[in-house]
Amino acid sequence: MTRVLIVGTGLIGTSIALALRRHGVGVALADHDPDAVRAARRRGAGQAWRPGSPVDLAVVAVPPEHVAAQIHHLQRVGAARAYTDVASVKQAVIGAAGRLGCDMSTYIPSHPMAGRERRGPDAAAEDLFRGRPWALCPLPQAAAPARAAVLDLIGLCGAHPVELPAADHDQAVACVSHAPHVASSAVAARLAEAPAQALALAGTGVRDVTRVAGGDPALWLDILTANAAPVAEVLEAMAADLAATASALRGLPAGDRAAAETVAALLRRGAAGRHRIAQAGREGA
């Protein structure tokens, strides 16, 4: 891979560009905001895109609702030989691309599982994806060269590929990313009007739990809208756990053993889930 076009020079797009530049790949940058392109250029992420001969791969790093239209436009002008996106939902994006008549043989949907609560090109880092999983969801008609180009991108960014169907991807990220973000926001919302003395006692635990709640609300509304049903299912299950636990807590002062077991069971399940995450991280390293 020698030339890549990055469309969308925010945190993810610019981080990809920086990782590619570290390997000597030529990077062209495009964004609807000229200031974002200039900021990415100042970081050494590449040069402003000037349409010409096709690049090897175009990476669309824009909000989910705009991905399909952007891919359709790029394919219409022959910007690249292969195309991918980095949106955190896949079924809605793929469906929109199909309805627009995109060439699905050269489009490989993907999603790097990395990010931070800060946004924009100034928050980008060339090692953002190092050691992280990167989902790719090729369709049955996907051409082998397009799939190979995306795998090359993933490797150059230091990530490891996880190939799965789009529906499975959306269910998975609802569980490990989207619903946890809503839960984090719900905890953080309790702090919005908390007494100052309570905030003065805040330690690393609550900071860890609420870290992702600092993400861009507009972007997250787009993400949650595109993956609404799977996220709602996870949140409903969480709500049932919380309701049962809250009810059980009322019985603890009276020495209700069944109530104590209900609370303890949730804590044990939580510890087991946390252990599985840690184990998966070691196996993926």
C-alpha atoms as a PDB file:
ATOM      1  CA  MET A   1       0.000   0.000   0.000  1.00  0.00           C
ATOM      2  CA  THR A   2       1.510   3.308  -1.074  1.00  0.00           C
ATOM      3  CA  ARG A   3      -1.300   5.878  -1.108  1.00  0.00           C
ATOM      4  CA  VAL A   4      -4.365   6.290   1.115  1.00  0.00           C
ATOM      5  CA  LEU A   5      -7.108   8.906   1.242  1.00  0.00           C
ATOM      6  CA  ILE A   6      -8.532   9.779   4.660  1.00  0.00           C
ATOM      7  CA  VAL A   7     -11.941  11.477   4.549  1.00  0.00           C
ATOM      8  CA  GLY A   8     -12.686  12.967   7.957  1.00  0.00           C
ATOM      9  CA  THR A   9      -9.698  14.319   9.877  1.00  0.00           C
ATOM     10  CA  GLY A  10     -11.016  13.945  13.399  1.00  0.00           C
ATOM     11  CA  LEU A  11      -9.527  11.785  16.136  1.00  0.00           C
ATOM     12  CA  ILE A  12      -9.837   8.452  14.307  1.00  0.00           C
ATOM     13  CA  GLY A  13      -9.052   9.638  10.787  1.00  0.00           C
ATOM     14  CA  THR A  14      -5.997  11.618  11.832  1.00  0.00           C
ATOM     15  CA  SER A  15      -4.749   8.794  14.070  1.00  0.00           C
ATOM     16  CA  ILE A  16      -4.951   6.411  11.098  1.00  0.00           C
ATOM     17  CA  ALA A  17      -3.100   8.939   8.955  1.00  0.00           C
ATOM     18  CA  LEU A  18      -0.335   9.330  11.546  1.00  0.00           C
ATOM     19  CA  ALA A  19       0.081   5.552  11.814  1.00  0.00           C
ATOM     20  CA  LEU A  20       0.337   5.249   8.032  1.00  0.00           C
ATOM     21  CA  ARG A  21       2.816   8.104   7.744  1.00  0.00           C
ATOM     22  CA  ARG A  22       5.021   6.337  10.292  1.00  0.00           C
ATOM     23  CA  HIS A  23       5.327   3.521   7.732  1.00  0.00           C
ATOM     24  CA  GLY A  24       6.007   5.861   4.838  1.00  0.00           C
ATOM     25  CA  VAL A  25       2.562   5.604   3.257  1.00  0.00           C
ATOM     26  CA  GLY A  26       1.474   8.678   1.310  1.00  0.00           C
ATOM     27  CA  VAL A  27      -1.687  10.130   2.864  1.00  0.00           C
ATOM     28  CA  ALA A  28      -4.182  12.559   1.333  1.00  0.00           C
ATOM     29  CA  LEU A  29      -6.567  14.339   3.706  1.00  0.00           C
ATOM     30  CA  ALA A  30     -10.109  15.596   3.128  1.00  0.00           C
ATOM     31  CA  ASP A  31     -12.725  17.058   5.450  1.00  0.00           C
ATOM     32  CA  HIS A  32     -15.737  19.350   5.097  1.00  0.00           C
ATOM     33  CA  ASP A  33     -13.973  21.620   7.612  1.00  0.00           C
ATOM     34  CA  PRO A  34     -10.787  23.131   6.114  1.00  0.00           C
ATOM     35  CA  ASP A  35      -9.524  23.956   9.612  1.00  0.00           C
ATOM     36  CA  ALA A  36      -9.582  20.252  10.504  1.00  0.00           C
ATOM     37  CA  VAL A  37      -7.455  19.444   7.463  1.00  0.00           C
ATOM     38  CA  ARG A  38      -5.002  22.195   8.359  1.00  0.00           C
ATOM     39  CA  ALA A  39      -4.777  20.917  11.936  1.00  0.00           C
ATOM     40  CA  ALA A  40      -4.103  17.372  10.709  1.00  0.00           C
ATOM     41  CA  ARG A  41      -1.457  18.648   8.299  1.00  0.00           C
ATOM     42  CA  ARG A  42       0.269  20.482  11.153  1.00  0.00           C
ATOM     43  CA  ARG A  43       0.446  17.134  12.958  1.00  0.00           C
ATOM     44  CA  GLY A  44       2.274  15.655   9.966  1.00  0.00           C
ATOM     45  CA  ALA A  45      -0.690  13.474   8.975  1.00  0.00           C
ATOM     46  CA  GLY A  46      -0.455  14.137   5.238  1.00  0.00           C
ATOM     47  CA  GLN A  47      -1.385  16.649   2.575  1.00  0.00           C
ATOM     48  CA  ALA A  48      -4.703  18.043   1.388  1.00  0.00           C
ATOM     49  CA  TRP A  49      -6.367  15.799  -1.197  1.00  0.00           C
ATOM     50  CA  ARG A  50      -6.298  16.840  -4.817  1.00  0.00           C
ATOM     51  CA  PRO A  51      -8.390  14.470  -6.967  1.00  0.00           C
ATOM     52  CA  GLY A  52      -6.339  12.621  -9.541  1.00  0.00           C
ATOM     53  CA  SER A  53      -5.367   9.016 -10.113  1.00  0.00           C
ATOM     54  CA  PRO A  54      -7.013   6.527  -7.715  1.00  0.00           C
ATOM     55  CA  VAL A  55      -5.358   5.864  -4.364  1.00  0.00           C
ATOM     56  CA  ASP A  56      -5.015   2.316  -3.056  1.00  0.00           C
ATOM     57  CA  LEU A  57      -7.607   2.764  -0.300  1.00  0.00           C
ATOM     58  CA  ALA A  58     -10.060   5.440   0.829  1.00  0.00           C
ATOM     59  CA  VAL A  59     -10.888   5.453   4.546  1.00  0.00           C
ATOM     60  CA  VAL A  60     -14.151   7.213   5.401  1.00  0.00           C
ATOM     61  CA  ALA A  61     -13.985   8.473   8.989  1.00  0.00           C
ATOM     62  CA  VAL A  62     -17.196  10.485   9.298  1.00  0.00           C
ATOM     63  CA  PRO A  63     -20.306  10.062  11.509  1.00  0.00           C
ATOM     64  CA  PRO A  64     -22.374   6.954  10.686  1.00  0.00           C
ATOM     65  CA  GLU A  65     -25.240   8.822   9.033  1.00  0.00           C
ATOM     66  CA  HIS A  66     -22.891  10.341   6.429  1.00  0.00           C
ATOM     67  CA  VAL A  67     -20.772   7.279   5.571  1.00  0.00           C
ATOM     68  CA  ALA A  68     -22.867   5.836   2.743  1.00  0.00           C
ATOM     69  CA  ALA A  69     -23.229   9.131   0.877  1.00  0.00           C
ATOM     70  CA  GLN A  70     -19.501   9.756   1.171  1.00  0.00           C
ATOM     71  CA  ILE A  71     -18.585   6.314  -0.169  1.00  0.00           C
ATOM     72  CA  HIS A  72     -21.057   6.735  -3.024  1.00  0.00           C
ATOM     73  CA  HIS A  73     -19.488  10.077  -3.965  1.00  0.00           C
ATOM     74  CA  LEU A  74     -15.929   8.745  -3.779  1.00  0.00           C
ATOM     75  CA  GLN A  75     -16.794   5.725  -5.911  1.00  0.00           C
ATOM     76  CA  ARG A  76     -18.548   7.930  -8.454  1.00  0.00           C
ATOM     77  CA  VAL A  77     -15.404  10.062  -8.931  1.00  0.00           C
ATOM     78  CA  GLY A  78     -13.103   7.012  -8.895  1.00  0.00           C
ATOM     79  CA  ALA A  79     -11.135   8.188  -5.876  1.00  0.00           C
ATOM     80  CA  ALA A  80      -9.761   4.770  -4.871  1.00  0.00           C
ATOM     81  CA  ARG A  81      -9.434   1.113  -5.775  1.00  0.00           C
ATOM     82  CA  ALA A  82     -10.939   0.044  -2.448  1.00  0.00           C
ATOM     83  CA  TYR A  83     -13.000   1.680   0.283  1.00  0.00           C
ATOM     84  CA  THR A  84     -13.639   1.221   3.984  1.00  0.00           C
ATOM     85  CA  ASP A  85     -15.268   3.115   6.821  1.00  0.00           C
ATOM     86  CA  VAL A  86     -14.631   3.209  10.556  1.00  0.00           C
ATOM     87  CA  ALA A  87     -18.171   3.799  11.848  1.00  0.00           C
ATOM     88  CA  SER A  88     -19.088   1.977  15.040  1.00  0.00           C
ATOM     89  CA  VAL A  89     -22.288   0.543  13.528  1.00  0.00           C
ATOM     90  CA  LYS A  90     -22.355  -1.595  10.430  1.00  0.00           C
ATOM     91  CA  GLN A  91     -25.829  -2.845   9.442  1.00  0.00           C
ATOM     92  CA  ALA A  92     -27.369   0.614   9.062  1.00  0.00           C
ATOM     93  CA  VAL A  93     -24.373   1.900   7.108  1.00  0.00           C
ATOM     94  CA  ILE A  94     -24.282  -1.137   4.810  1.00  0.00           C
ATOM     95  CA  GLY A  95     -28.015  -0.875   4.186  1.00  0.00           C
ATOM     96  CA  ALA A  96     -27.755   2.813   3.303  1.00  0.00           C
ATOM     97  CA  ALA A  97     -24.811   2.135   0.980  1.00  0.00           C
ATOM     98  CA  GLY A  98     -26.771  -0.563  -0.819  1.00  0.00           C
ATOM     99  CA  ARG A  99     -29.782   1.696  -1.285  1.00  0.00           C
ATOM    100  CA  LEU A 100     -27.558   4.378  -2.813  1.00  0.00           C
ATOM    101  CA  GLY A 101     -26.173   1.874  -5.299  1.00  0.00           C
ATOM    102  CA  CYS A 102     -22.620   1.756  -3.958  1.00  0.00           C
ATOM    103  CA  ASP A 103     -20.287  -0.859  -5.428  1.00  0.00           C
ATOM    104  CA  MET A 104     -20.238  -3.316  -2.541  1.00  0.00           C
ATOM    105  CA  SER A 105     -17.444  -5.396  -4.083  1.00  0.00           C
ATOM    106  CA  THR A 106     -14.843  -2.692  -3.396  1.00  0.00           C
ATOM    107  CA  TYR A 107     -16.299  -1.590  -0.036  1.00  0.00           C
ATOM    108  CA  ILE A 108     -15.180  -3.424   3.111  1.00  0.00           C
ATOM    109  CA  PRO A 109     -16.977  -2.121   6.232  1.00  0.00           C
ATOM    110  CA  SER A 110     -14.681  -1.959   9.263  1.00  0.00           C
ATOM    111  CA  HIS A 111     -14.494  -0.565  12.788  1.00  0.00           C
ATOM    112  CA  PRO A 112     -11.383  -0.049  14.951  1.00  0.00           C
ATOM    113  CA  MET A 113     -12.163  -0.660  18.611  1.00  0.00           C
ATOM    114  CA  ALA A 114     -10.200   2.291  19.922  1.00  0.00           C
ATOM    115  CA  GLY A 115     -10.844   5.878  20.880  1.00  0.00           C
ATOM    116  CA  ARG A 116     -10.696   8.411  23.652  1.00  0.00           C
ATOM    117  CA  GLU A 117     -13.015  10.981  25.158  1.00  0.00           C
ATOM    118  CA  ARG A 118     -11.127  13.853  23.525  1.00  0.00           C
ATOM    119  CA  ARG A 119     -11.908  14.594  19.893  1.00  0.00           C
ATOM    120  CA  GLY A 120     -10.408  16.281  16.849  1.00  0.00           C
ATOM    121  CA  PRO A 121      -7.042  16.016  15.088  1.00  0.00           C
ATOM    122  CA  ASP A 122      -5.143  17.514  18.012  1.00  0.00           C
ATOM    123  CA  ALA A 123      -6.152  14.504  20.137  1.00  0.00           C
ATOM    124  CA  ALA A 124      -4.925  11.998  17.530  1.00  0.00           C
ATOM    125  CA  ALA A 125      -2.101   9.550  18.233  1.00  0.00           C
ATOM    126  CA  GLU A 126      -0.213   7.250  15.876  1.00  0.00           C
ATOM    127  CA  ASP A 127      -0.360   4.419  18.423  1.00  0.00           C
ATOM    128  CA  LEU A 128      -4.089   4.716  19.145  1.00  0.00           C
ATOM    129  CA  PHE A 129      -4.828   1.354  17.500  1.00  0.00           C
ATOM    130  CA  ARG A 130      -1.733  -0.548  18.599  1.00  0.00           C
ATOM    131  CA  GLY A 131      -2.742  -3.921  20.021  1.00  0.00           C
ATOM    132  CA  ARG A 132      -6.441  -3.151  19.626  1.00  0.00           C
ATOM    133  CA  PRO A 133      -9.052  -5.275  17.822  1.00  0.00           C
ATOM    134  CA  TRP A 134     -10.286  -3.948  14.483  1.00  0.00           C
ATOM    135  CA  ALA A 135     -13.517  -5.449  13.171  1.00  0.00           C
ATOM    136  CA  LEU A 136     -14.068  -5.989   9.479  1.00  0.00           C
ATOM    137  CA  CYS A 137     -17.370  -7.130   8.014  1.00  0.00           C
ATOM    138  CA  PRO A 138     -16.862  -8.003   4.330  1.00  0.00           C
ATOM    139  CA  LEU A 139     -19.971  -8.801   2.332  1.00  0.00           C
ATOM    140  CA  PRO A 140     -20.242 -11.985   0.208  1.00  0.00           C
ATOM    141  CA  GLN A 141     -19.514 -10.004  -2.965  1.00  0.00           C
ATOM    142  CA  ALA A 142     -16.378  -8.396  -1.531  1.00  0.00           C
ATOM    143  CA  ALA A 143     -13.412  -8.540  -3.901  1.00  0.00           C
ATOM    144  CA  ALA A 144     -10.246 -10.160  -2.569  1.00  0.00           C
ATOM    145  CA  PRO A 145      -8.003  -7.138  -3.366  1.00  0.00           C
ATOM    146  CA  ALA A 146     -10.312  -4.805  -1.417  1.00  0.00           C
ATOM    147  CA  ARG A 147     -10.312  -7.115   1.602  1.00  0.00           C
ATOM    148  CA  ALA A 148      -6.522  -7.399   1.378  1.00  0.00           C
ATOM    149  CA  ALA A 149      -6.184  -3.604   1.323  1.00  0.00           C
ATOM    150  CA  VAL A 150      -8.180  -3.251   4.544  1.00  0.00           C
ATOM    151  CA  LEU A 151      -6.185  -6.022   6.218  1.00  0.00           C
ATOM    152  CA  ASP A 152      -3.030  -4.181   5.173  1.00  0.00           C
ATOM    153  CA  LEU A 153      -4.398  -0.991   6.747  1.00  0.00           C
ATOM    154  CA  ILE A 154      -5.177  -2.797   9.990  1.00  0.00           C
ATOM    155  CA  GLY A 155      -1.684  -4.262  10.157  1.00  0.00           C
ATOM    156  CA  LEU A 156       0.005  -0.929   9.454  1.00  0.00           C
ATOM    157  CA  CYS A 157      -1.988   0.630  12.298  1.00  0.00           C
ATOM    158  CA  GLY A 158      -0.747  -2.084  14.686  1.00  0.00           C
ATOM    159  CA  ALA A 159      -4.205  -3.558  15.290  1.00  0.00           C
ATOM    160  CA  HIS A 160      -5.375  -7.150  14.910  1.00  0.00           C
ATOM    161  CA  PRO A 161      -8.327  -8.025  12.635  1.00  0.00           C
ATOM    162  CA  VAL A 162     -11.541  -9.621  13.865  1.00  0.00           C
ATOM    163  CA  GLU A 163     -13.762 -10.714  10.975  1.00  0.00           C
ATOM    164  CA  LEU A 164     -17.478 -11.180  11.652  1.00  0.00           C
ATOM    165  CA  PRO A 165     -20.887 -10.543  10.051  1.00  0.00           C
ATOM    166  CA  ALA A 166     -22.313  -7.044  10.393  1.00  0.00           C
ATOM    167  CA  ALA A 167     -25.259  -8.196  12.525  1.00  0.00           C
ATOM    168  CA  ASP A 168     -22.931  -9.952  14.963  1.00  0.00           C
ATOM    169  CA  HIS A 169     -20.736  -6.855  15.091  1.00  0.00           C
ATOM    170  CA  ASP A 170     -23.640  -4.612  16.022  1.00  0.00           C
ATOM    171  CA  GLN A 171     -24.814  -6.987  18.749  1.00  0.00           C
ATOM    172  CA  ALA A 172     -21.275  -7.209  20.100  1.00  0.00           C
ATOM    173  CA  VAL A 173     -20.606  -3.476  20.238  1.00  0.00           C
ATOM    174  CA  ALA A 174     -23.992  -2.913  21.869  1.00  0.00           C
ATOM    175  CA  CYS A 175     -22.721  -5.104  24.719  1.00  0.00           C
ATOM    176  CA  VAL A 176     -19.100  -3.962  24.993  1.00  0.00           C
ATOM    177  CA  SER A 177     -19.266  -0.319  23.875  1.00  0.00           C
ATOM    178  CA  HIS A 178     -22.616   1.345  23.263  1.00  0.00           C
ATOM    179  CA  ALA A 179     -24.614   0.226  26.311  1.00  0.00           C
ATOM    180  CA  PRO A 180     -21.594   0.777  28.608  1.00  0.00           C
ATOM    181  CA  HIS A 181     -21.379   4.338  27.271  1.00  0.00           C
ATOM    182  CA  VAL A 182     -25.021   4.949  28.202  1.00  0.00           C
ATOM    183  CA  ALA A 183     -24.446   3.375  31.620  1.00  0.00           C
ATOM    184  CA  SER A 184     -21.401   5.587  32.144  1.00  0.00           C
ATOM    185  CA  SER A 185     -23.483   8.619  31.196  1.00  0.00           C
ATOM    186  CA  ALA A 186     -26.204   7.586  33.646  1.00  0.00           C
ATOM    187  CA  VAL A 187     -23.680   7.387  36.491  1.00  0.00           C
ATOM    188  CA  ALA A 188     -22.133  10.706  35.482  1.00  0.00           C
ATOM    189  CA  ALA A 189     -25.588  12.308  35.299  1.00  0.00           C
ATOM    190  CA  ARG A 190     -26.036  11.507  39.003  1.00  0.00           C
ATOM    191  CA  LEU A 191     -22.994  13.707  39.627  1.00  0.00           C
ATOM    192  CA  ALA A 192     -24.231  16.726  37.675  1.00  0.00           C
ATOM    193  CA  GLU A 193     -26.115  18.102  40.684  1.00  0.00           C
ATOM    194  CA  ALA A 194     -24.282  16.255  43.451  1.00  0.00           C
ATOM    195  CA  PRO A 195     -23.162  18.312  46.461  1.00  0.00           C
ATOM    196  CA  ALA A 196     -19.669  19.763  46.224  1.00  0.00           C
ATOM    197  CA  GLN A 197     -18.530  17.753  49.246  1.00  0.00           C
ATOM    198  CA  ALA A 198     -19.509  14.538  47.462  1.00  0.00           C
ATOM    199  CA  LEU A 199     -17.445  15.478  44.402  1.00  0.00           C
ATOM    200  CA  ALA A 200     -14.523  16.318  46.668  1.00  0.00           C
ATOM    201  CA  LEU A 201     -14.488  12.669  47.718  1.00  0.00           C
ATOM    202  CA  ALA A 202     -14.490  11.318  44.156  1.00  0.00           C
ATOM    203  CA  GLY A 203     -11.669   8.852  43.597  1.00  0.00           C
ATOM    204  CA  THR A 204     -10.337   6.746  40.765  1.00  0.00           C
ATOM    205  CA  GLY A 205     -13.297   4.363  40.807  1.00  0.00           C
ATOM    206  CA  VAL A 206     -15.942   6.871  39.793  1.00  0.00           C
ATOM    207  CA  ARG A 207     -13.504   8.543  37.410  1.00  0.00           C
ATOM    208  CA  ASP A 208     -12.913   5.207  35.660  1.00  0.00           C
ATOM    209  CA  VAL A 209     -16.631   4.453  35.444  1.00  0.00           C
ATOM    210  CA  THR A 210     -17.519   7.884  34.031  1.00  0.00           C
ATOM    211  CA  ARG A 211     -14.524   8.435  31.728  1.00  0.00           C
ATOM    212  CA  VAL A 212     -16.303   7.667  28.466  1.00  0.00           C
ATOM    213  CA  ALA A 213     -19.267   9.864  29.415  1.00  0.00           C
ATOM    214  CA  GLY A 214     -17.093  12.782  28.296  1.00  0.00           C
ATOM    215  CA  GLY A 215     -17.608  11.829  24.635  1.00  0.00           C
ATOM    216  CA  ASP A 216     -19.370  14.082  22.125  1.00  0.00           C
ATOM    217  CA  PRO A 217     -23.157  13.827  22.807  1.00  0.00           C
ATOM    218  CA  ALA A 218     -24.116  14.595  19.188  1.00  0.00           C
ATOM    219  CA  LEU A 219     -21.862  11.859  17.807  1.00  0.00           C
ATOM    220  CA  TRP A 220     -23.099   9.372  20.377  1.00  0.00           C
ATOM    221  CA  LEU A 221     -26.713  10.158  19.580  1.00  0.00           C
ATOM    222  CA  ASP A 222     -25.930   9.274  15.943  1.00  0.00           C
ATOM    223  CA  ILE A 223     -24.279   6.021  17.038  1.00  0.00           C
ATOM    224  CA  LEU A 224     -27.103   5.017  19.379  1.00  0.00           C
ATOM    225  CA  THR A 225     -29.746   5.870  16.781  1.00  0.00           C
ATOM    226  CA  ALA A 226     -28.057   3.599  14.246  1.00  0.00           C
ATOM    227  CA  ASN A 227     -27.821   0.685  16.710  1.00  0.00           C
ATOM    228  CA  ALA A 228     -30.879   1.425  18.824  1.00  0.00           C
ATOM    229  CA  ALA A 229     -32.526  -2.004  19.147  1.00  0.00           C
ATOM    230  CA  PRO A 230     -29.439  -4.012  20.219  1.00  0.00           C
ATOM    231  CA  VAL A 231     -28.452  -1.296  22.708  1.00  0.00           C
ATOM    232  CA  ALA A 232     -31.968  -1.158  24.130  1.00  0.00           C
ATOM    233  CA  GLU A 233     -31.913  -4.931  24.715  1.00  0.00           C
ATOM    234  CA  VAL A 234     -28.678  -4.715  26.703  1.00  0.00           C
ATOM    235  CA  LEU A 235     -29.908  -1.727  28.708  1.00  0.00           C
ATOM    236  CA  GLU A 236     -33.186  -3.495  29.516  1.00  0.00           C
ATOM    237  CA  ALA A 237     -31.241  -6.460  30.888  1.00  0.00           C
ATOM    238  CA  MET A 238     -29.040  -4.105  32.917  1.00  0.00           C
ATOM    239  CA  ALA A 239     -32.123  -2.280  34.194  1.00  0.00           C
ATOM    240  CA  ALA A 240     -33.610  -5.580  35.374  1.00  0.00           C
ATOM    241  CA  ASP A 241     -30.391  -6.386  37.248  1.00  0.00           C
ATOM    242  CA  LEU A 242     -30.344  -2.944  38.847  1.00  0.00           C
ATOM    243  CA  ALA A 243     -34.027  -3.090  39.812  1.00  0.00           C
ATOM    244  CA  ALA A 244     -33.592  -6.497  41.452  1.00  0.00           C
ATOM    245  CA  THR A 245     -30.484  -5.297  43.273  1.00  0.00           C
ATOM    246  CA  ALA A 246     -32.149  -2.089  44.482  1.00  0.00           C
ATOM    247  CA  SER A 247     -35.092  -4.093  45.794  1.00  0.00           C
ATOM    248  CA  ALA A 248     -32.745  -6.529  47.532  1.00  0.00           C
ATOM    249  CA  LEU A 249     -30.784  -3.704  49.146  1.00  0.00           C
ATOM    250  CA  ARG A 250     -33.958  -2.630  50.933  1.00  0.00           C
ATOM    251  CA  GLY A 251     -33.994  -5.988  52.665  1.00  0.00           C
ATOM    252  CA  LEU A 252     -30.356  -6.098  53.772  1.00  0.00           C
ATOM    253  CA  PRO A 253     -30.764  -4.089  57.005  1.00  0.00           C
ATOM    254  CA  ALA A 254     -33.350  -6.629  58.181  1.00  0.00           C
ATOM    255  CA  GLY A 255     -30.942  -9.514  57.618  1.00  0.00           C
ATOM    256  CA  ASP A 256     -32.812 -10.947  54.621  1.00  0.00           C
ATOM    257  CA  ARG A 257     -30.540 -13.759  53.413  1.00  0.00           C
ATOM    258  CA  ALA A 258     -32.241 -14.036  50.029  1.00  0.00           C
ATOM    259  CA  ALA A 259     -31.699 -10.322  49.494  1.00  0.00           C
ATOM    260  CA  ALA A 260     -28.043 -10.664  50.427  1.00  0.00           C
ATOM    261  CA  GLU A 261     -27.628 -13.500  47.940  1.00  0.00           C
ATOM    262  CA  THR A 262     -29.258 -11.420  45.181  1.00  0.00           C
ATOM    263  CA  VAL A 263     -26.738  -8.627  45.728  1.00  0.00           C
ATOM    264  CA  ALA A 264     -23.816 -11.024  46.080  1.00  0.00           C
ATOM    265  CA  ALA A 265     -24.810 -12.859  42.898  1.00  0.00           C
ATOM    266  CA  LEU A 266     -24.661  -9.644  40.860  1.00  0.00           C
ATOM    267  CA  LEU A 267     -21.259  -8.786  42.327  1.00  0.00           C
ATOM    268  CA  ARG A 268     -19.963 -12.272  41.498  1.00  0.00           C
ATOM    269  CA  ARG A 269     -21.281 -12.049  37.940  1.00  0.00           C
ATOM    270  CA  GLY A 270     -19.633  -8.656  37.613  1.00  0.00           C
ATOM    271  CA  ALA A 271     -16.294 -10.014  38.775  1.00  0.00           C
ATOM    272  CA  ALA A 272     -16.610 -12.935  36.353  1.00  0.00           C
ATOM    273  CA  GLY A 273     -17.374 -10.601  33.454  1.00  0.00           C
ATOM    274  CA  ARG A 274     -14.424  -8.400  34.326  1.00  0.00           C
ATOM    275  CA  HIS A 275     -12.188 -11.476  34.400  1.00  0.00           C
ATOM    276  CA  ARG A 276     -13.370 -12.484  30.923  1.00  0.00           C
ATOM    277  CA  ILE A 277     -12.466  -9.045  29.553  1.00  0.00           C
ATOM    278  CA  ALA A 278      -8.988  -9.266  31.057  1.00  0.00           C
ATOM    279  CA  GLN A 279      -8.538 -12.800  29.711  1.00  0.00           C
ATOM    280  CA  ALA A 280      -9.690 -11.773  26.224  1.00  0.00           C
ATOM    281  CA  GLY A 281      -7.216  -8.904  26.301  1.00  0.00           C
ATOM    282  CA  ARG A 282      -4.340 -11.258  27.122  1.00  0.00           C
ATOM    283  CA  GLU A 283      -5.345 -13.696  24.380  1.00  0.00           C
ATOM    284  CA  GLY A 284      -5.595 -10.886  21.820  1.00  0.00           C
ATOM    285  CA  ALA A 285      -2.244  -9.361  22.736  1.00  0.00           C
END
